Amino acid sequence: MRERIRELCREPKLPTLAAETVGHFSEAGHEDALPTLMEVYLVQETEDRRIRRVDRLRQHLAKLAEGDFVERGVNVLAFDLPSYRISAAQNRQAEDVSHRQ
């Protein structure tokens, strides 16, 4: 149980929770609550964070696709995005620019 909780705390970067949870729950006589904590909080929290991250990426890509940065002459650096998404945004922007001219 201790190792699974540590593992689940790794992705959402919760090192204190990983280090302290099992000991505190055990000392308080609530070790039987650990599976519930693990399932409800840690698994759900990890999934919710993943969903929020994907939503943020989609919003950023939609903003890039609008192309306001081109008219302002702003450079854009994209990290950690699938290259096909960036290419699609670039292609849409190039089409929009050529239609405006």
PDB file of N, CA and C in Angstrom:
ATOM      1  N   MET A   1       0.833  -1.193   0.000  1.00  0.00           N
ATOM      2  CA  MET A   1       0.000   0.000   0.000  1.00  0.00           C
ATOM      3  C   MET A   1       0.877   1.256   0.000  1.00  0.00           C
ATOM      4  N   ARG A   2       1.898   1.251   0.845  1.00  0.00           N
ATOM      5  CA  ARG A   2       2.783   2.412   0.960  1.00  0.00           C
ATOM      6  C   ARG A   2       3.408   2.745  -0.401  1.00  0.00           C
ATOM      7  N   GLU A   3       3.891   1.720  -1.093  1.00  0.00           N
ATOM      8  CA  GLU A   3       4.558   1.957  -2.386  1.00  0.00           C
ATOM      9  C   GLU A   3       3.563   2.442  -3.437  1.00  0.00           C
ATOM     10  N   ARG A   4       2.364   1.911  -3.436  1.00  0.00           N
ATOM     11  CA  ARG A   4       1.331   2.349  -4.409  1.00  0.00           C
ATOM     12  C   ARG A   4       0.977   3.817  -4.173  1.00  0.00           C
ATOM     13  N   ILE A   5       0.853   4.220  -2.933  1.00  0.00           N
ATOM     14  CA  ILE A   5       0.543   5.620  -2.626  1.00  0.00           C
ATOM     15  C   ILE A   5       1.691   6.514  -3.084  1.00  0.00           C
ATOM     16  N   ARG A   6       2.916   6.097  -2.831  1.00  0.00           N
ATOM     17  CA  ARG A   6       4.073   6.881  -3.305  1.00  0.00           C
ATOM     18  C   ARG A   6       4.053   7.015  -4.822  1.00  0.00           C
ATOM     19  N   GLU A   7       3.741   5.922  -5.488  1.00  0.00           N
ATOM     20  CA  GLU A   7       3.684   5.918  -6.947  1.00  0.00           C
ATOM     21  C   GLU A   7       2.613   6.892  -7.454  1.00  0.00           C
ATOM     22  N   LEU A   8       1.441   6.856  -6.840  1.00  0.00           N
ATOM     23  CA  LEU A   8       0.352   7.731  -7.259  1.00  0.00           C
ATOM     24  C   LEU A   8       0.631   9.201  -6.944  1.00  0.00           C
ATOM     25  N   CYS A   9       1.440   9.454  -5.941  1.00  0.00           N
ATOM     26  CA  CYS A   9       1.786  10.832  -5.576  1.00  0.00           C
ATOM     27  C   CYS A   9       2.882  11.404  -6.467  1.00  0.00           C
ATOM     28  N   ARG A  10       3.570  10.562  -7.176  1.00  0.00           N
ATOM     29  CA  ARG A  10       4.695  11.005  -8.001  1.00  0.00           C
ATOM     30  C   ARG A  10       4.229  11.899  -9.146  1.00  0.00           C
ATOM     31  N   GLU A  11       3.222  11.481  -9.907  1.00  0.00           N
ATOM     32  CA  GLU A  11       2.796  12.244 -11.081  1.00  0.00           C
ATOM     33  C   GLU A  11       2.234  13.616 -10.726  1.00  0.00           C
ATOM     34  N   PRO A  12       1.333  13.709  -9.749  1.00  0.00           N
ATOM     35  CA  PRO A  12       0.848  15.050  -9.415  1.00  0.00           C
ATOM     36  C   PRO A  12       1.811  15.833  -8.518  1.00  0.00           C
ATOM     37  N   LYS A  13       3.005  15.276  -8.299  1.00  0.00           N
ATOM     38  CA  LYS A  13       4.053  15.943  -7.525  1.00  0.00           C
ATOM     39  C   LYS A  13       3.591  16.314  -6.120  1.00  0.00           C
ATOM     40  N   LEU A  14       3.268  15.292  -5.362  1.00  0.00           N
ATOM     41  CA  LEU A  14       2.828  15.450  -3.980  1.00  0.00           C
ATOM     42  C   LEU A  14       3.781  14.686  -3.056  1.00  0.00           C
ATOM     43  N   PRO A  15       5.048  15.116  -2.975  1.00  0.00           N
ATOM     44  CA  PRO A  15       6.034  14.338  -2.208  1.00  0.00           C
ATOM     45  C   PRO A  15       5.749  14.255  -0.716  1.00  0.00           C
ATOM     46  N   THR A  16       5.231  15.314  -0.115  1.00  0.00           N
ATOM     47  CA  THR A  16       4.936  15.280   1.316  1.00  0.00           C
ATOM     48  C   THR A  16       3.809  14.297   1.599  1.00  0.00           C
ATOM     49  N   LEU A  17       2.786  14.333   0.784  1.00  0.00           N
ATOM     50  CA  LEU A  17       1.684  13.379   0.933  1.00  0.00           C
ATOM     51  C   LEU A  17       2.208  11.952   0.793  1.00  0.00           C
ATOM     52  N   ALA A  18       3.090  11.737  -0.173  1.00  0.00           N
ATOM     53  CA  ALA A  18       3.656  10.404  -0.380  1.00  0.00           C
ATOM     54  C   ALA A  18       4.463   9.948   0.832  1.00  0.00           C
ATOM     55  N   ALA A  19       5.217  10.852   1.405  1.00  0.00           N
ATOM     56  CA  ALA A  19       6.096  10.492   2.509  1.00  0.00           C
ATOM     57  C   ALA A  19       5.370  10.320   3.834  1.00  0.00           C
ATOM     58  N   GLU A  20       4.314  11.073   4.059  1.00  0.00           N
ATOM     59  CA  GLU A  20       3.702  11.143   5.386  1.00  0.00           C
ATOM     60  C   GLU A  20       2.372  10.413   5.556  1.00  0.00           C
ATOM     61  N   THR A  21       1.652  10.187   4.488  1.00  0.00           N
ATOM     62  CA  THR A  21       0.275   9.694   4.589  1.00  0.00           C
ATOM     63  C   THR A  21       0.142   8.363   5.321  1.00  0.00           C
ATOM     64  N   VAL A  22       0.855   7.361   4.862  1.00  0.00           N
ATOM     65  CA  VAL A  22       0.680   6.018   5.432  1.00  0.00           C
ATOM     66  C   VAL A  22       1.004   6.024   6.924  1.00  0.00           C
ATOM     67  N   GLY A  23       2.104   6.668   7.291  1.00  0.00           N
ATOM     68  CA  GLY A  23       2.482   6.723   8.707  1.00  0.00           C
ATOM     69  C   GLY A  23       1.436   7.399   9.564  1.00  0.00           C
ATOM     70  N   HIS A  24       0.938   8.550   9.124  1.00  0.00           N
ATOM     71  CA  HIS A  24      -0.061   9.284   9.909  1.00  0.00           C
ATOM     72  C   HIS A  24      -1.381   8.515  10.016  1.00  0.00           C
ATOM     73  N   PHE A  25      -1.821   7.926   8.904  1.00  0.00           N
ATOM     74  CA  PHE A  25      -3.062   7.151   8.948  1.00  0.00           C
ATOM     75  C   PHE A  25      -2.905   5.936   9.853  1.00  0.00           C
ATOM     76  N   SER A  26      -1.751   5.287   9.779  1.00  0.00           N
ATOM     77  CA  SER A  26      -1.508   4.105  10.616  1.00  0.00           C
ATOM     78  C   SER A  26      -1.466   4.475  12.089  1.00  0.00           C
ATOM     79  N   GLU A  27      -0.740   5.539  12.424  1.00  0.00           N
ATOM     80  CA  GLU A  27      -0.645   5.986  13.814  1.00  0.00           C
ATOM     81  C   GLU A  27      -2.004   6.375  14.377  1.00  0.00           C
ATOM     82  N   ALA A  28      -2.866   6.915  13.533  1.00  0.00           N
ATOM     83  CA  ALA A  28      -4.187   7.340  13.986  1.00  0.00           C
ATOM     84  C   ALA A  28      -5.190   6.186  13.981  1.00  0.00           C
ATOM     85  N   GLY A  29      -4.753   5.000  13.555  1.00  0.00           N
ATOM     86  CA  GLY A  29      -5.666   3.853  13.533  1.00  0.00           C
ATOM     87  C   GLY A  29      -6.615   3.857  12.352  1.00  0.00           C
ATOM     88  N   HIS A  30      -6.255   4.562  11.287  1.00  0.00           N
ATOM     89  CA  HIS A  30      -7.137   4.666  10.118  1.00  0.00           C
ATOM     90  C   HIS A  30      -6.521   4.037   8.873  1.00  0.00           C
ATOM     91  N   GLU A  31      -5.696   3.054   9.058  1.00  0.00           N
ATOM     92  CA  GLU A  31      -5.039   2.404   7.926  1.00  0.00           C
ATOM     93  C   GLU A  31      -6.061   1.824   6.943  1.00  0.00           C
ATOM     94  N   ASP A  32      -7.236   1.419   7.470  1.00  0.00           N
ATOM     95  CA  ASP A  32      -8.267   0.860   6.594  1.00  0.00           C
ATOM     96  C   ASP A  32      -8.840   1.902   5.631  1.00  0.00           C
ATOM     97  N   ALA A  33      -8.604   3.177   5.888  1.00  0.00           N
ATOM     98  CA  ALA A  33      -9.092   4.238   4.993  1.00  0.00           C
ATOM     99  C   ALA A  33      -8.134   4.494   3.835  1.00  0.00           C
ATOM    100  N   LEU A  34      -6.928   3.947   3.876  1.00  0.00           N
ATOM    101  CA  LEU A  34      -5.930   4.207   2.831  1.00  0.00           C
ATOM    102  C   LEU A  34      -6.385   3.791   1.429  1.00  0.00           C
ATOM    103  N   PRO A  35      -7.015   2.625   1.252  1.00  0.00           N
ATOM    104  CA  PRO A  35      -7.473   2.291  -0.106  1.00  0.00           C
ATOM    105  C   PRO A  35      -8.480   3.299  -0.656  1.00  0.00           C
ATOM    106  N   THR A  36      -9.353   3.811   0.189  1.00  0.00           N
ATOM    107  CA  THR A  36     -10.324   4.819  -0.245  1.00  0.00           C
ATOM    108  C   THR A  36      -9.610   6.107  -0.627  1.00  0.00           C
ATOM    109  N   LEU A  37      -8.673   6.527   0.223  1.00  0.00           N
ATOM    110  CA  LEU A  37      -7.888   7.716  -0.092  1.00  0.00           C
ATOM    111  C   LEU A  37      -7.172   7.535  -1.418  1.00  0.00           C
ATOM    112  N   MET A  38      -6.572   6.391  -1.586  1.00  0.00           N
ATOM    113  CA  MET A  38      -5.807   6.133  -2.794  1.00  0.00           C
ATOM    114  C   MET A  38      -6.702   6.183  -4.025  1.00  0.00           C
ATOM    115  N   GLU A  39      -7.826   5.534  -3.974  1.00  0.00           N
ATOM    116  CA  GLU A  39      -8.700   5.462  -5.140  1.00  0.00           C
ATOM    117  C   GLU A  39      -9.403   6.787  -5.411  1.00  0.00           C
ATOM    118  N   VAL A  40     -10.035   7.317  -4.391  1.00  0.00           N
ATOM    119  CA  VAL A  40     -10.854   8.511  -4.580  1.00  0.00           C
ATOM    120  C   VAL A  40     -10.008   9.751  -4.822  1.00  0.00           C
ATOM    121  N   TYR A  41      -8.997   9.930  -4.002  1.00  0.00           N
ATOM    122  CA  TYR A  41      -8.244  11.168  -4.129  1.00  0.00           C
ATOM    123  C   TYR A  41      -7.114  11.061  -5.140  1.00  0.00           C
ATOM    124  N   LEU A  42      -6.213  10.136  -4.936  1.00  0.00           N
ATOM    125  CA  LEU A  42      -5.005  10.119  -5.762  1.00  0.00           C
ATOM    126  C   LEU A  42      -5.274   9.733  -7.212  1.00  0.00           C
ATOM    127  N   VAL A  43      -6.026   8.676  -7.430  1.00  0.00           N
ATOM    128  CA  VAL A  43      -6.322   8.261  -8.802  1.00  0.00           C
ATOM    129  C   VAL A  43      -7.169   9.325  -9.488  1.00  0.00           C
ATOM    130  N   GLN A  44      -8.201   9.810  -8.821  1.00  0.00           N
ATOM    131  CA  GLN A  44      -9.072  10.822  -9.414  1.00  0.00           C
ATOM    132  C   GLN A  44      -8.330  12.137  -9.628  1.00  0.00           C
ATOM    133  N   GLU A  45      -7.506  12.525  -8.663  1.00  0.00           N
ATOM    134  CA  GLU A  45      -6.741  13.773  -8.795  1.00  0.00           C
ATOM    135  C   GLU A  45      -5.810  13.714  -9.997  1.00  0.00           C
ATOM    136  N   THR A  46      -5.139  12.605 -10.170  1.00  0.00           N
ATOM    137  CA  THR A  46      -4.238  12.446 -11.307  1.00  0.00           C
ATOM    138  C   THR A  46      -5.004  12.556 -12.617  1.00  0.00           C
ATOM    139  N   GLU A  47      -6.139  11.902 -12.706  1.00  0.00           N
ATOM    140  CA  GLU A  47      -6.953  11.950 -13.922  1.00  0.00           C
ATOM    141  C   GLU A  47      -7.506  13.351 -14.156  1.00  0.00           C
ATOM    142  N   ASP A  48      -7.992  14.007 -13.110  1.00  0.00           N
ATOM    143  CA  ASP A  48      -8.519  15.365 -13.258  1.00  0.00           C
ATOM    144  C   ASP A  48      -7.435  16.338 -13.734  1.00  0.00           C
ATOM    145  N   ARG A  49      -6.241  16.194 -13.204  1.00  0.00           N
ATOM    146  CA  ARG A  49      -5.136  17.061 -13.631  1.00  0.00           C
ATOM    147  C   ARG A  49      -4.796  16.819 -15.092  1.00  0.00           C
ATOM    148  N   ARG A  50      -4.822  15.559 -15.506  1.00  0.00           N
ATOM    149  CA  ARG A  50      -4.549  15.235 -16.913  1.00  0.00           C
ATOM    150  C   ARG A  50      -5.592  15.873 -17.822  1.00  0.00           C
ATOM    151  N   ILE A  51      -6.854  15.776 -17.426  1.00  0.00           N
ATOM    152  CA  ILE A  51      -7.933  16.354 -18.220  1.00  0.00           C
ATOM    153  C   ILE A  51      -7.792  17.874 -18.302  1.00  0.00           C
ATOM    154  N   ARG A  52      -7.472  18.515 -17.175  1.00  0.00           N
ATOM    155  CA  ARG A  52      -7.291  19.977 -17.186  1.00  0.00           C
ATOM    156  C   ARG A  52      -6.112  20.375 -18.070  1.00  0.00           C
ATOM    157  N   ARG A  53      -5.046  19.584 -18.034  1.00  0.00           N
ATOM    158  CA  ARG A  53      -3.876  19.891 -18.868  1.00  0.00           C
ATOM    159  C   ARG A  53      -4.226  19.793 -20.351  1.00  0.00           C
ATOM    160  N   VAL A  54      -4.955  18.759 -20.726  1.00  0.00           N
ATOM    161  CA  VAL A  54      -5.376  18.599 -22.118  1.00  0.00           C
ATOM    162  C   VAL A  54      -6.280  19.761 -22.529  1.00  0.00           C
ATOM    163  N   ASP A  55      -7.199  20.146 -21.658  1.00  0.00           N
ATOM    164  CA  ASP A  55      -8.080  21.284 -21.961  1.00  0.00           C
ATOM    165  C   ASP A  55      -7.288  22.566 -22.163  1.00  0.00           C
ATOM    166  N   ARG A  56      -6.278  22.810 -21.299  1.00  0.00           N
ATOM    167  CA  ARG A  56      -5.435  24.001 -21.454  1.00  0.00           C
ATOM    168  C   ARG A  56      -4.680  23.971 -22.779  1.00  0.00           C
ATOM    169  N   LEU A  57      -4.162  22.803 -23.142  1.00  0.00           N
ATOM    170  CA  LEU A  57      -3.454  22.685 -24.418  1.00  0.00           C
ATOM    171  C   LEU A  57      -4.382  22.981 -25.590  1.00  0.00           C
ATOM    172  N   ARG A  58      -5.592  22.484 -25.522  1.00  0.00           N
ATOM    173  CA  ARG A  58      -6.557  22.754 -26.599  1.00  0.00           C
ATOM    174  C   ARG A  58      -6.867  24.252 -26.707  1.00  0.00           C
ATOM    175  N   GLN A  59      -7.004  24.908 -25.567  1.00  0.00           N
ATOM    176  CA  GLN A  59      -7.258  26.351 -25.577  1.00  0.00           C
ATOM    177  C   GLN A  59      -6.088  27.103 -26.190  1.00  0.00           C
ATOM    178  N   HIS A  60      -4.874  26.700 -25.814  1.00  0.00           N
ATOM    179  CA  HIS A  60      -3.685  27.361 -26.368  1.00  0.00           C
ATOM    180  C   HIS A  60      -3.592  27.142 -27.873  1.00  0.00           C
ATOM    181  N   LEU A  61      -3.894  25.930 -28.317  1.00  0.00           N
ATOM    182  CA  LEU A  61      -3.845  25.649 -29.754  1.00  0.00           C
ATOM    183  C   LEU A  61      -4.896  26.443 -30.514  1.00  0.00           C
ATOM    184  N   ALA A  62      -6.075  26.566 -29.931  1.00  0.00           N
ATOM    185  CA  ALA A  62      -7.124  27.356 -30.573  1.00  0.00           C
ATOM    186  C   ALA A  62      -6.694  28.817 -30.685  1.00  0.00           C
ATOM    187  N   LYS A  63      -6.057  29.320 -29.643  1.00  0.00           N
ATOM    188  CA  LYS A  63      -5.562  30.699 -29.656  1.00  0.00           C
ATOM    189  C   LYS A  63      -4.483  30.863 -30.725  1.00  0.00           C
ATOM    190  N   LEU A  64      -3.574  29.899 -30.818  1.00  0.00           N
ATOM    191  CA  LEU A  64      -2.544  29.951 -31.852  1.00  0.00           C
ATOM    192  C   LEU A  64      -3.159  29.927 -33.247  1.00  0.00           C
ATOM    193  N   ALA A  65      -4.198  29.118 -33.411  1.00  0.00           N
ATOM    194  CA  ALA A  65      -4.849  29.001 -34.721  1.00  0.00           C
ATOM    195  C   ALA A  65      -5.492  30.315 -35.158  1.00  0.00           C
ATOM    196  N   GLU A  66      -5.844  31.164 -34.202  1.00  0.00           N
ATOM    197  CA  GLU A  66      -6.415  32.474 -34.559  1.00  0.00           C
ATOM    198  C   GLU A  66      -5.382  33.352 -35.258  1.00  0.00           C
ATOM    199  N   GLY A  67      -4.115  33.155 -34.914  1.00  0.00           N
ATOM    200  CA  GLY A  67      -3.039  33.828 -35.620  1.00  0.00           C
ATOM    201  C   GLY A  67      -2.776  35.274 -35.274  1.00  0.00           C
ATOM    202  N   ASP A  68      -3.288  35.756 -34.175  1.00  0.00           N
ATOM    203  CA  ASP A  68      -3.046  37.147 -33.791  1.00  0.00           C
ATOM    204  C   ASP A  68      -1.558  37.455 -33.662  1.00  0.00           C
ATOM    205  N   PHE A  69      -0.783  36.456 -33.302  1.00  0.00           N
ATOM    206  CA  PHE A  69       0.647  36.662 -33.100  1.00  0.00           C
ATOM    207  C   PHE A  69       1.354  37.022 -34.406  1.00  0.00           C
ATOM    208  N   VAL A  70       0.818  36.587 -35.550  1.00  0.00           N
ATOM    209  CA  VAL A  70       1.445  36.870 -36.840  1.00  0.00           C
ATOM    210  C   VAL A  70       1.344  38.363 -37.152  1.00  0.00           C
ATOM    211  N   GLU A  71       0.158  38.902 -36.969  1.00  0.00           N
ATOM    212  CA  GLU A  71      -0.050  40.325 -37.249  1.00  0.00           C
ATOM    213  C   GLU A  71       0.780  41.214 -36.329  1.00  0.00           C
ATOM    214  N   ARG A  72       1.025  40.760 -35.106  1.00  0.00           N
ATOM    215  CA  ARG A  72       1.817  41.535 -34.155  1.00  0.00           C
ATOM    216  C   ARG A  72       3.305  41.251 -34.305  1.00  0.00           C
ATOM    217  N   GLY A  73       3.669  40.266 -35.117  1.00  0.00           N
ATOM    218  CA  GLY A  73       5.069  39.917 -35.312  1.00  0.00           C
ATOM    219  C   GLY A  73       5.698  39.250 -34.105  1.00  0.00           C
ATOM    220  N   VAL A  74       4.915  38.492 -33.372  1.00  0.00           N
ATOM    221  CA  VAL A  74       5.391  37.827 -32.164  1.00  0.00           C
ATOM    222  C   VAL A  74       5.869  36.420 -32.510  1.00  0.00           C
ATOM    223  N   ASN A  75       7.027  36.055 -31.988  1.00  0.00           N
ATOM    224  CA  ASN A  75       7.520  34.692 -32.161  1.00  0.00           C
ATOM    225  C   ASN A  75       6.795  33.766 -31.194  1.00  0.00           C
ATOM    226  N   VAL A  76       6.559  32.542 -31.621  1.00  0.00           N
ATOM    227  CA  VAL A  76       5.886  31.553 -30.786  1.00  0.00           C
ATOM    228  C   VAL A  76       6.777  30.327 -30.675  1.00  0.00           C
ATOM    229  N   LEU A  77       7.016  29.909 -29.454  1.00  0.00           N
ATOM    230  CA  LEU A  77       7.740  28.671 -29.197  1.00  0.00           C
ATOM    231  C   LEU A  77       6.757  27.670 -28.617  1.00  0.00           C
ATOM    232  N   ALA A  78       6.729  26.483 -29.165  1.00  0.00           N
ATOM    233  CA  ALA A  78       5.803  25.452 -28.679  1.00  0.00           C
ATOM    234  C   ALA A  78       6.604  24.251 -28.189  1.00  0.00           C
ATOM    235  N   PHE A  79       6.380  23.891 -26.958  1.00  0.00           N
ATOM    236  CA  PHE A  79       7.054  22.742 -26.365  1.00  0.00           C
ATOM    237  C   PHE A  79       6.006  21.746 -25.908  1.00  0.00           C
ATOM    238  N   ASP A  80       6.344  20.486 -26.013  1.00  0.00           N
ATOM    239  CA  ASP A  80       5.512  19.432 -25.439  1.00  0.00           C
ATOM    240  C   ASP A  80       4.158  19.297 -26.121  1.00  0.00           C
ATOM    241  N   LEU A  81       4.059  19.715 -27.374  1.00  0.00           N
ATOM    242  CA  LEU A  81       2.819  19.552 -28.121  1.00  0.00           C
ATOM    243  C   LEU A  81       3.073  18.559 -29.251  1.00  0.00           C
ATOM    244  N   PRO A  82       2.072  17.764 -29.582  1.00  0.00           N
ATOM    245  CA  PRO A  82       2.250  16.858 -30.720  1.00  0.00           C
ATOM    246  C   PRO A  82       2.503  17.669 -31.992  1.00  0.00           C
ATOM    247  N   SER A  83       3.499  17.285 -32.759  1.00  0.00           N
ATOM    248  CA  SER A  83       3.894  18.063 -33.929  1.00  0.00           C
ATOM    249  C   SER A  83       2.761  18.185 -34.944  1.00  0.00           C
ATOM    250  N   TYR A  84       1.911  17.161 -35.071  1.00  0.00           N
ATOM    251  CA  TYR A  84       0.835  17.263 -36.039  1.00  0.00           C
ATOM    252  C   TYR A  84      -0.154  18.372 -35.668  1.00  0.00           C
ATOM    253  N   ARG A  85      -0.327  18.644 -34.381  1.00  0.00           N
ATOM    254  CA  ARG A  85      -1.226  19.723 -33.962  1.00  0.00           C
ATOM    255  C   ARG A  85      -0.632  21.082 -34.317  1.00  0.00           C
ATOM    256  N   ILE A  86       0.660  21.216 -34.098  1.00  0.00           N
ATOM    257  CA  ILE A  86       1.322  22.476 -34.431  1.00  0.00           C
ATOM    258  C   ILE A  86       1.256  22.694 -35.933  1.00  0.00           C
ATOM    259  N   SER A  87       1.516  21.655 -36.713  1.00  0.00           N
ATOM    260  CA  SER A  87       1.462  21.764 -38.170  1.00  0.00           C
ATOM    261  C   SER A  87       0.068  22.163 -38.639  1.00  0.00           C
ATOM    262  N   ALA A  88      -0.940  21.578 -38.042  1.00  0.00           N
ATOM    263  CA  ALA A  88      -2.317  21.922 -38.417  1.00  0.00           C
ATOM    264  C   ALA A  88      -2.599  23.390 -38.123  1.00  0.00           C
ATOM    265  N   ALA A  89      -2.144  23.877 -36.977  1.00  0.00           N
ATOM    266  CA  ALA A  89      -2.350  25.290 -36.628  1.00  0.00           C
ATOM    267  C   ALA A  89      -1.589  26.185 -37.603  1.00  0.00           C
ATOM    268  N   GLN A  90      -0.370  25.786 -37.966  1.00  0.00           N
ATOM    269  CA  GLN A  90       0.413  26.576 -38.918  1.00  0.00           C
ATOM    270  C   GLN A  90      -0.276  26.609 -40.279  1.00  0.00           C
ATOM    271  N   ASN A  91      -0.766  25.482 -40.722  1.00  0.00           N
ATOM    272  CA  ASN A  91      -1.436  25.433 -42.034  1.00  0.00           C
ATOM    273  C   ASN A  91      -2.684  26.300 -42.060  1.00  0.00           C
ATOM    274  N   ARG A  92      -3.479  26.234 -40.999  1.00  0.00           N
ATOM    275  CA  ARG A  92      -4.686  27.078 -40.926  1.00  0.00           C
ATOM    276  C   ARG A  92      -4.308  28.547 -40.966  1.00  0.00           C
ATOM    277  N   GLN A  93      -3.247  28.890 -40.230  1.00  0.00           N
ATOM    278  CA  GLN A  93      -2.822  30.284 -40.180  1.00  0.00           C
ATOM    279  C   GLN A  93      -2.324  30.747 -41.542  1.00  0.00           C
ATOM    280  N   ALA A  94      -1.565  29.922 -42.220  1.00  0.00           N
ATOM    281  CA  ALA A  94      -1.050  30.281 -43.544  1.00  0.00           C
ATOM    282  C   ALA A  94      -2.197  30.493 -44.515  1.00  0.00           C
ATOM    283  N   GLU A  95      -3.213  29.632 -44.446  1.00  0.00           N
ATOM    284  CA  GLU A  95      -4.386  29.803 -45.311  1.00  0.00           C
ATOM    285  C   GLU A  95      -5.117  31.101 -45.002  1.00  0.00           C
ATOM    286  N   ASP A  96      -5.293  31.400 -43.737  1.00  0.00           N
ATOM    287  CA  ASP A  96      -5.968  32.639 -43.332  1.00  0.00           C
ATOM    288  C   ASP A  96      -5.212  33.861 -43.823  1.00  0.00           C
ATOM    289  N   VAL A  97      -3.906  33.849 -43.683  1.00  0.00           N
ATOM    290  CA  VAL A  97      -3.086  34.992 -44.112  1.00  0.00           C
ATOM    291  C   VAL A  97      -3.178  35.172 -45.605  1.00  0.00           C
ATOM    292  N   SER A  98      -3.117  34.065 -46.370  1.00  0.00           N
ATOM    293  CA  SER A  98      -3.160  34.185 -47.827  1.00  0.00           C
ATOM    294  C   SER A  98      -4.533  34.665 -48.295  1.00  0.00           C
ATOM    295  N   HIS A  99      -5.597  34.313 -47.583  1.00  0.00           N
ATOM    296  CA  HIS A  99      -6.942  34.774 -47.962  1.00  0.00           C
ATOM    297  C   HIS A  99      -7.122  36.260 -47.664  1.00  0.00           C
ATOM    298  N   ARG A 100      -6.441  36.765 -46.651  1.00  0.00           N
ATOM    299  CA  ARG A 100      -6.550  38.177 -46.279  1.00  0.00           C
ATOM    300  C   ARG A 100      -5.828  39.072 -47.268  1.00  0.00           C
ATOM    301  N   GLN A 101      -4.833  38.522 -47.974  1.00  0.00           N
ATOM    302  CA  GLN A 101      -4.020  39.366 -48.869  1.00  0.00           C
ATOM    303  C   GLN A 101      -4.637  39.534 -50.202  1.00  0.00           C
TER     304      GLN A 101
END
